[in-house]
Protein backbone atom coordinates (compact mmCIF):
# COMPACT_ATOMS: atom_id res chain seq x y z
CA UNK A 1 7.37 -138.35 231.88
CA UNK A 2 11.08 -138.92 231.17
CA UNK A 3 11.18 -141.69 233.75
CA UNK A 4 8.22 -143.49 232.17
CA UNK A 5 9.74 -142.87 228.73
CA UNK A 6 12.93 -144.69 229.75
CA UNK A 7 10.89 -147.51 231.29
CA UNK A 8 8.59 -147.94 228.30
CA UNK A 9 11.49 -147.81 225.86
CA UNK A 10 13.46 -150.39 227.83
CA UNK A 11 10.41 -152.61 228.17
CA UNK A 12 9.51 -152.69 224.49
CA UNK A 13 13.01 -152.27 223.04
CA UNK A 14 13.25 -156.05 222.32
CA UNK A 15 10.32 -155.72 219.88
CA UNK A 16 12.51 -153.96 217.33
CA UNK A 17 15.53 -156.18 218.16
CA UNK A 18 13.63 -159.46 218.52
CA UNK A 19 15.11 -161.30 215.56
CA UNK A 20 18.68 -160.10 216.10
CA UNK A 21 18.64 -161.04 219.81
CA UNK A 22 17.08 -164.39 218.92
CA UNK A 23 19.79 -165.04 216.33
CA UNK A 24 22.52 -164.08 218.81
CA UNK A 25 21.38 -166.77 221.26
CA UNK A 26 20.00 -169.19 218.60
CA UNK A 27 16.43 -169.14 219.92
CA UNK A 28 13.04 -168.87 218.21
CA UNK A 29 10.95 -165.68 217.91
CA UNK A 30 8.52 -167.10 220.45
CA UNK A 31 11.29 -167.85 222.93
CA UNK A 32 12.73 -164.37 222.38
CA UNK A 33 9.27 -163.04 223.18
CA UNK A 34 9.91 -164.05 226.81
CA UNK A 35 11.79 -160.76 227.04
CA UNK A 36 8.36 -159.13 226.88
CA UNK A 37 6.68 -161.72 229.10
CA UNK A 38 9.08 -161.42 232.05
CA UNK A 39 8.77 -157.66 232.75
CA UNK A 40 4.99 -157.70 232.56
CA UNK A 41 4.67 -160.68 234.88
CA UNK A 42 7.03 -159.20 237.49
CA UNK A 43 5.46 -155.74 237.19
CA UNK A 44 2.01 -157.17 237.92
CA UNK A 45 3.32 -158.78 241.10
CA UNK A 46 5.53 -155.92 242.25
CA UNK A 47 3.00 -153.13 241.64
CA UNK A 48 0.83 -153.86 244.71
CA UNK A 49 3.57 -155.39 246.87
CA UNK A 50 6.22 -152.71 246.37
CA UNK A 51 3.74 -149.85 246.61
CA UNK A 52 2.30 -151.19 249.87
CA UNK A 53 5.72 -152.01 251.33
CA UNK A 54 7.07 -148.51 250.61
CA UNK A 55 3.89 -146.61 251.44
CA UNK A 56 5.58 -144.49 254.14
CA UNK A 57 8.70 -143.60 252.12
CA UNK A 58 9.11 -140.33 250.20
CA UNK A 59 7.85 -140.94 246.66
CA UNK A 60 10.74 -139.04 245.03
CA UNK A 61 13.24 -141.31 246.76
CA UNK A 62 11.40 -144.40 245.53
CA UNK A 63 11.30 -143.08 241.96
CA UNK A 64 15.08 -142.55 242.15
CA UNK A 65 15.65 -146.10 243.42
CA UNK A 66 13.63 -147.54 240.55
CA UNK A 67 15.57 -145.46 237.99
CA UNK A 68 18.83 -146.83 239.41
CA UNK A 69 17.50 -150.39 239.16
CA UNK A 70 16.48 -149.76 235.54
CA UNK A 71 19.95 -148.50 234.64
CA UNK A 72 21.53 -151.62 236.16
CA UNK A 73 19.08 -153.82 234.22
CA UNK A 74 20.05 -152.22 230.91
CA UNK A 75 23.77 -152.63 231.57
CA UNK A 76 23.25 -156.27 232.59
CA UNK A 77 21.34 -157.01 229.38
CA UNK A 78 24.12 -155.40 227.34
CA UNK A 79 26.80 -157.55 228.97
CA UNK A 80 24.85 -160.83 229.30
CA UNK A 81 26.77 -163.78 227.81
CA UNK A 82 23.75 -166.08 228.08
CA UNK A 83 20.05 -165.61 227.39
CA UNK A 84 19.06 -166.45 230.97
CA UNK A 85 20.96 -163.37 232.18
CA UNK A 86 18.99 -161.26 229.71
CA UNK A 87 15.83 -162.64 231.33
CA UNK A 88 17.22 -161.75 234.79
CA UNK A 89 17.65 -158.18 233.57
CA UNK A 90 14.06 -158.25 232.37
CA UNK A 91 12.96 -159.30 235.87
CA UNK A 92 14.66 -156.14 237.17
CA UNK A 93 12.85 -154.13 234.51
CA UNK A 94 9.55 -155.64 235.65
CA UNK A 95 10.10 -154.64 239.28
CA UNK A 96 10.94 -151.13 238.13
CA UNK A 97 7.80 -150.90 236.03
CA UNK A 98 5.56 -152.09 238.83
CA UNK A 99 6.93 -149.63 241.36
CA UNK A 100 7.63 -146.54 239.22
CA UNK A 101 4.36 -146.61 237.28
CA UNK A 102 2.23 -147.26 240.35
CA UNK A 103 3.75 -144.28 242.15
CA UNK A 104 4.47 -141.96 239.23
CA UNK A 105 1.23 -142.34 237.28
CA UNK A 106 -0.82 -140.91 240.13
CA UNK A 107 1.44 -137.96 241.00
CA UNK A 108 0.05 -135.45 238.50
CA UNK A 109 -2.41 -133.93 240.97
CA UNK A 110 0.45 -133.26 243.42
CA UNK A 111 2.65 -131.51 240.87
CA UNK A 112 0.24 -129.11 239.14
CA UNK A 113 -2.86 -127.03 240.03
CA UNK A 114 -6.24 -128.87 239.90
CA UNK A 115 -7.24 -127.33 236.56
CA UNK A 116 -4.03 -128.65 234.98
CA UNK A 117 -4.28 -132.26 236.14
CA UNK A 118 -5.88 -133.66 232.98
CA UNK A 119 -3.20 -132.09 230.79
CA UNK A 120 -0.45 -133.25 233.18
CA UNK A 121 -1.72 -136.84 232.98
CA UNK A 122 -1.69 -136.53 229.19
CA UNK A 123 1.91 -135.26 229.24
CA UNK A 124 3.01 -138.10 231.56
CA UNK A 125 1.42 -140.73 229.35
CA UNK A 126 2.79 -139.17 226.18
CA UNK A 127 5.90 -141.10 227.28
CA UNK A 128 4.26 -144.30 226.01
CA UNK A 129 4.00 -143.33 222.33
CA UNK A 130 7.25 -141.37 222.64
CA UNK A 131 8.88 -144.65 223.59
CA UNK A 132 7.62 -145.98 220.27
CA UNK A 133 8.30 -142.93 218.13
CA UNK A 134 11.84 -142.40 219.43
CA UNK A 135 12.92 -145.32 221.61
CA UNK A 136 12.08 -148.40 219.58
CA UNK A 137 13.00 -147.11 216.08
CA UNK A 138 16.21 -145.47 217.35
CA UNK A 139 17.01 -148.62 219.33
CA UNK A 140 16.40 -150.70 216.22
CA UNK A 141 18.63 -148.37 214.19
CA UNK A 142 21.42 -148.55 216.78
CA UNK A 143 21.05 -152.33 216.83
CA UNK A 144 21.41 -152.46 213.05
CA UNK A 145 24.59 -150.39 212.91
CA UNK A 146 26.30 -151.28 216.20
CA UNK A 147 24.60 -154.42 217.53
CA UNK A 148 21.69 -154.92 219.91
CA UNK A 149 23.92 -154.77 222.99
CA UNK A 150 24.85 -151.19 222.17
CA UNK A 151 21.17 -150.24 222.19
CA UNK A 152 20.90 -151.41 225.81
CA UNK A 153 24.09 -149.54 226.75
CA UNK A 154 22.63 -146.33 225.34
CA UNK A 155 19.43 -146.89 227.34
CA UNK A 156 21.48 -147.45 230.48
CA UNK A 157 23.32 -144.15 230.02
CA UNK A 158 20.06 -142.32 229.29
CA UNK A 159 18.48 -143.76 232.44
CA UNK A 160 21.38 -142.55 234.58
CA UNK A 161 20.93 -139.05 233.12
CA UNK A 162 17.21 -139.14 233.91
CA UNK A 163 17.99 -140.25 237.47
CA UNK A 164 20.22 -137.20 237.90
CA UNK A 165 17.50 -134.91 236.52
CA UNK A 166 14.88 -136.45 238.78
CA UNK A 167 16.99 -135.80 241.87
CA UNK A 168 17.76 -132.25 240.70
CA UNK A 169 14.28 -130.98 239.81
CA UNK A 170 11.65 -133.15 241.52
CA UNK A 171 10.44 -131.74 244.87
CA UNK A 172 10.25 -133.95 247.96
CA UNK A 173 7.01 -135.95 247.87
CA UNK A 174 6.19 -137.37 251.30
CA UNK A 175 3.36 -139.95 251.10
CA UNK A 176 -0.11 -138.48 251.55
CA UNK A 177 -1.99 -141.78 251.57
CA UNK A 178 -1.13 -145.27 252.75
CA UNK A 179 -1.89 -147.80 250.04
CA UNK A 180 -2.32 -151.02 251.98
CA UNK A 181 -3.34 -154.29 250.36
CA UNK A 182 -6.72 -153.99 252.09
CA UNK A 183 -7.31 -150.71 250.25
CA UNK A 184 -6.57 -152.45 246.96
CA UNK A 185 -8.92 -155.33 247.74
CA UNK A 186 -11.70 -152.86 248.51
CA UNK A 187 -11.46 -151.44 245.00
CA UNK A 188 -12.74 -154.70 243.50
CA UNK A 189 -16.16 -154.04 244.99
CA UNK A 190 -16.63 -151.24 242.46
CA UNK A 191 -18.45 -152.20 239.26
CA UNK A 192 -16.53 -149.55 237.33
CA UNK A 193 -13.22 -150.93 238.57
CA UNK A 194 -14.17 -154.40 237.41
CA UNK A 195 -15.09 -152.99 233.99
CA UNK A 196 -11.77 -151.10 233.89
CA UNK A 197 -9.95 -154.37 234.59
CA UNK A 198 -11.88 -156.24 231.89
CA UNK A 199 -11.44 -153.53 229.26
CA UNK A 200 -7.75 -153.13 230.01
CA UNK A 201 -7.22 -156.89 229.86
CA UNK A 202 -8.87 -157.22 226.45
CA UNK A 203 -7.27 -154.23 224.73
CA UNK A 204 -3.76 -154.82 226.07
CA UNK A 205 -4.00 -158.53 225.24
CA UNK A 206 -5.03 -157.61 221.71
CA UNK A 207 -2.23 -155.08 221.30
CA UNK A 208 0.77 -156.84 222.82
CA UNK A 209 -0.27 -160.24 221.53
CA UNK A 210 0.22 -158.71 218.08
CA UNK A 211 2.62 -155.76 218.35
CA UNK A 212 5.30 -157.89 220.04
CA UNK A 213 5.56 -159.78 216.74
CA UNK A 214 5.09 -156.87 214.31
CA UNK A 215 8.75 -157.13 213.23
CA UNK A 216 8.40 -160.80 212.12
CA UNK A 217 5.16 -159.80 210.33
CA UNK A 218 6.84 -156.95 208.45
CA UNK A 219 9.76 -159.21 207.55
CA UNK A 220 7.76 -162.25 206.45
CA UNK A 221 4.55 -160.74 205.04
CA UNK A 222 5.45 -157.20 203.93
CA UNK A 223 9.01 -158.33 203.07
CA UNK A 224 10.43 -155.09 204.46
CA UNK A 225 14.13 -154.72 205.19
CA UNK A 226 15.53 -153.69 208.57
CA UNK A 227 15.89 -150.02 207.61
CA UNK A 228 12.34 -149.92 206.26
CA UNK A 229 11.03 -151.51 209.47
CA UNK A 230 12.76 -148.78 211.48
CA UNK A 231 10.93 -146.15 209.38
CA UNK A 232 7.63 -148.02 209.73
CA UNK A 233 7.95 -148.11 213.52
CA UNK A 234 8.88 -144.42 213.55
CA UNK A 235 5.68 -143.60 211.64
CA UNK A 236 3.69 -145.80 214.00
CA UNK A 237 5.12 -143.98 217.01
CA UNK A 238 4.40 -140.54 215.53
CA UNK A 239 0.78 -141.58 215.08
CA UNK A 240 0.82 -142.81 218.69
CA UNK A 241 1.74 -139.34 219.97
CA UNK A 242 -1.26 -137.87 218.16
CA UNK A 243 -3.44 -140.66 219.51
CA UNK A 244 -2.29 -139.97 223.07
CA UNK A 245 -3.37 -136.33 223.05
CA UNK A 246 -6.54 -136.95 221.02
CA UNK A 247 -7.47 -139.82 223.31
CA UNK A 248 -6.81 -137.92 226.54
CA UNK A 249 -8.96 -135.04 225.34
CA UNK A 250 -11.82 -137.35 224.39
CA UNK A 251 -11.71 -139.84 227.26
CA UNK A 252 -11.78 -137.12 229.92
CA UNK A 253 -15.17 -135.98 228.62
CA UNK A 254 -16.48 -139.23 227.17
CA UNK A 255 -14.71 -142.24 228.75
CA UNK A 256 -16.69 -144.92 226.95
CA UNK A 257 -16.45 -143.27 223.53
CA UNK A 258 -12.72 -142.64 223.84
CA UNK A 259 -11.77 -146.11 225.01
CA UNK A 260 -14.21 -147.85 222.65
CA UNK A 261 -13.00 -145.87 219.63
CA UNK A 262 -9.38 -146.79 220.38
CA UNK A 263 -10.31 -150.48 220.50
CA UNK A 264 -12.31 -150.23 217.27
CA UNK A 265 -9.40 -148.65 215.41
CA UNK A 266 -6.97 -151.24 216.79
CA UNK A 267 -9.31 -154.04 215.71
CA UNK A 268 -9.58 -152.56 212.22
CA UNK A 269 -5.82 -152.25 211.81
CA UNK A 270 -4.90 -155.74 213.01
CA UNK A 271 -7.73 -157.49 211.14
CA UNK A 272 -6.81 -155.78 207.86
CA UNK A 273 -3.02 -156.19 208.12
CA UNK A 274 -3.04 -159.81 206.85
CA UNK A 275 -5.12 -158.60 203.89
CA UNK A 276 -3.51 -155.25 203.03
CA UNK A 277 -0.14 -155.59 204.76
CA UNK A 278 1.58 -157.30 201.84
CA UNK A 279 2.42 -153.89 200.38
CA UNK A 280 4.46 -151.14 202.00
CA UNK A 281 1.63 -148.65 201.46
CA UNK A 282 -0.98 -150.87 203.09
CA UNK A 283 1.28 -151.69 206.01
CA UNK A 284 2.15 -148.04 206.65
CA UNK A 285 -1.47 -146.90 206.44
CA UNK A 286 -2.63 -149.53 208.92
CA UNK A 287 0.31 -148.88 211.26
CA UNK A 288 -0.78 -145.22 211.37
CA UNK A 289 -4.30 -146.29 212.36
CA UNK A 290 -2.85 -148.72 214.90
CA UNK A 291 -0.55 -146.05 216.34
CA UNK A 292 -3.39 -143.58 216.81
CA UNK A 293 -5.46 -146.31 218.46
CA UNK A 294 -2.86 -147.56 220.90
CA UNK A 295 -1.61 -144.06 221.69
CA UNK A 296 -4.98 -143.48 223.38
CA UNK A 297 -5.03 -146.76 225.32
CA UNK A 298 -2.79 -146.09 228.38
CA UNK A 299 -4.35 -142.72 229.20
CA UNK A 300 -7.85 -144.14 228.59
CA UNK A 301 -7.22 -147.08 230.90
CA UNK A 302 -5.68 -144.88 233.62
CA UNK A 303 -8.64 -142.48 233.34
CA UNK A 304 -11.15 -145.32 233.80
CA UNK A 305 -9.37 -146.55 236.93
CA UNK A 306 -9.08 -143.00 238.30
CA UNK A 307 -12.77 -142.28 237.70
CA UNK A 308 -13.71 -145.56 239.36
CA UNK A 309 -11.72 -144.69 242.51
CA UNK A 310 -11.56 -140.87 242.83
CA UNK A 311 -10.77 -141.02 246.56
CA UNK A 312 -7.76 -143.36 246.19
CA UNK A 313 -5.61 -142.20 243.25
CA UNK A 314 -2.51 -144.24 244.14
CA UNK A 315 -4.58 -147.40 244.62
CA UNK A 316 -6.14 -146.75 241.21
CA UNK A 317 -2.66 -146.40 239.70
CA UNK A 318 -1.55 -149.67 241.30
CA UNK A 319 -4.51 -151.56 239.82
CA UNK A 320 -3.94 -149.89 236.45
CA UNK A 321 -0.25 -150.84 236.46
CA UNK A 322 -0.76 -154.40 237.70
CA UNK A 323 -3.54 -155.21 235.22
CA UNK A 324 -1.80 -153.51 232.31
CA UNK A 325 1.54 -155.20 232.90
CA UNK A 326 0.09 -158.63 233.66
CA UNK A 327 -1.71 -158.51 230.35
CA UNK A 328 1.40 -157.38 228.48
CA UNK A 329 3.08 -160.51 229.83
CA UNK A 330 0.16 -162.74 228.90
CA UNK A 331 -0.25 -161.17 225.48
CA UNK A 332 3.41 -161.62 224.57
CA UNK A 333 3.32 -165.22 225.86
CA UNK A 334 0.15 -166.18 223.97
CA UNK A 335 1.29 -164.36 220.84
CA UNK A 336 4.64 -166.14 220.96
CA UNK A 337 2.97 -169.53 221.32
CA UNK A 338 0.70 -168.80 218.36
CA UNK A 339 3.39 -167.33 216.11
CA UNK A 340 5.65 -170.36 216.64
CA UNK A 341 2.81 -172.72 215.69
CA UNK A 342 1.10 -170.74 212.92
CA UNK A 343 2.12 -167.38 211.42
CA UNK A 344 2.31 -163.65 212.22
CA UNK A 345 -0.85 -163.12 210.13
CA UNK A 346 -2.82 -165.48 212.37
CA UNK A 347 -1.62 -163.55 215.42
CA UNK A 348 -2.88 -160.30 213.87
CA UNK A 349 -6.31 -161.78 213.13
CA UNK A 350 -6.78 -163.17 216.64
CA UNK A 351 -5.67 -159.87 218.14
CA UNK A 352 -8.23 -158.03 216.05
CA UNK A 353 -11.01 -160.33 217.25
CA UNK A 354 -9.95 -159.73 220.87
CA UNK A 355 -10.09 -155.95 220.36
CA UNK A 356 -13.57 -156.36 218.87
CA UNK A 357 -14.66 -158.13 222.05
CA UNK A 358 -13.39 -155.14 224.02
CA UNK A 359 -15.61 -152.82 221.94
CA UNK A 360 -18.62 -154.99 222.78
CA UNK A 361 -17.74 -154.87 226.48
CA UNK A 362 -17.64 -151.06 226.33
CA UNK A 363 -21.09 -151.09 224.74
CA UNK A 364 -22.30 -153.31 227.59
CA UNK A 365 -21.18 -150.67 230.10
CA UNK A 366 -23.21 -148.12 228.12
CA UNK A 367 -26.37 -150.20 227.75
CA UNK A 368 -26.43 -150.99 231.47
CA UNK A 369 -26.24 -147.24 232.21
CA UNK A 370 -23.43 -147.47 234.75
CA UNK A 371 -22.45 -144.10 236.24
CA UNK A 372 -19.21 -142.81 237.75
CA UNK A 373 -18.81 -141.99 241.45
CA UNK A 374 -18.66 -138.30 242.31
CA UNK A 375 -15.15 -136.87 242.28
CA UNK A 376 -14.33 -135.22 245.62
CA UNK A 377 -13.73 -131.50 245.48
CA UNK A 378 -10.25 -130.26 246.51
């Protein structure tokens, strides 16, 4: 959980620092959004390749290697004299995401008894909203008072500490399954896996196509100052923690309802922000709804992939990671292109329509009466 927290925080840290980093290198908000595009793109590629290439290596050792790479990436970003070196550091972040998430997200069943797996998955994925509730607002605050480079230095130090903890407390985890590329290709024959890919694509595209540019929206539409934006993001993250645990509880029993409800709430928030987001009260209220919605998304997506491939948990994690991260990259890229040509409000509206399409896709899965494969008994 701490490892994923450091990864998520590093990955989305530029969201809160977008305008200050852009000003430092004299680039547009859309160009600065490449800091979100690069990690997602590289993570999507590295997830299957790295996992397959290291299939016979102890999983704890691989997690440690990825934590070291993340620490180096943060220190490189902090010291980068040119924007292209920042993007190189983001490539390193992407490789870390692809490898660590693919391995770590599926380890819950090896670390706890069978009856605790669902809760363990929820705890692991609580790192995602925690990255928002603590990482991004604190990073934004540090950036405001000490500069954006200091925020990356702090993340680098934190990652080193997490690496030490991982080596100290994590038991050896020799590989129990060999995740070859042929195993991954076989997963695409499953109807439920294809639905999981489609639903993940739509909801992550909707979220990161909009949330990447929430700071410009709050600056230009809500007219909030930097300190107020830090508070807004903190409230959003707190709502995300609640959404994570509510979503994990619901999606385990009712996968379609849980995932569909998250998309519906996200659609509501982003569609109404251009209308009600001119005031602080309206913006905060909708960010709370948005936080609850997105807090449930990672665990809902992971659950769908796991239910679609109960006999190959690591392969399911690889597909989850690759699809999720590829769409983060695409969402940030499309959102940046739109925001440079139109406005943050237009980005919010288009994101809301995309989330609505995801709700309709979930309903299609229901109306066609698709069922889940039987989970093998331990």
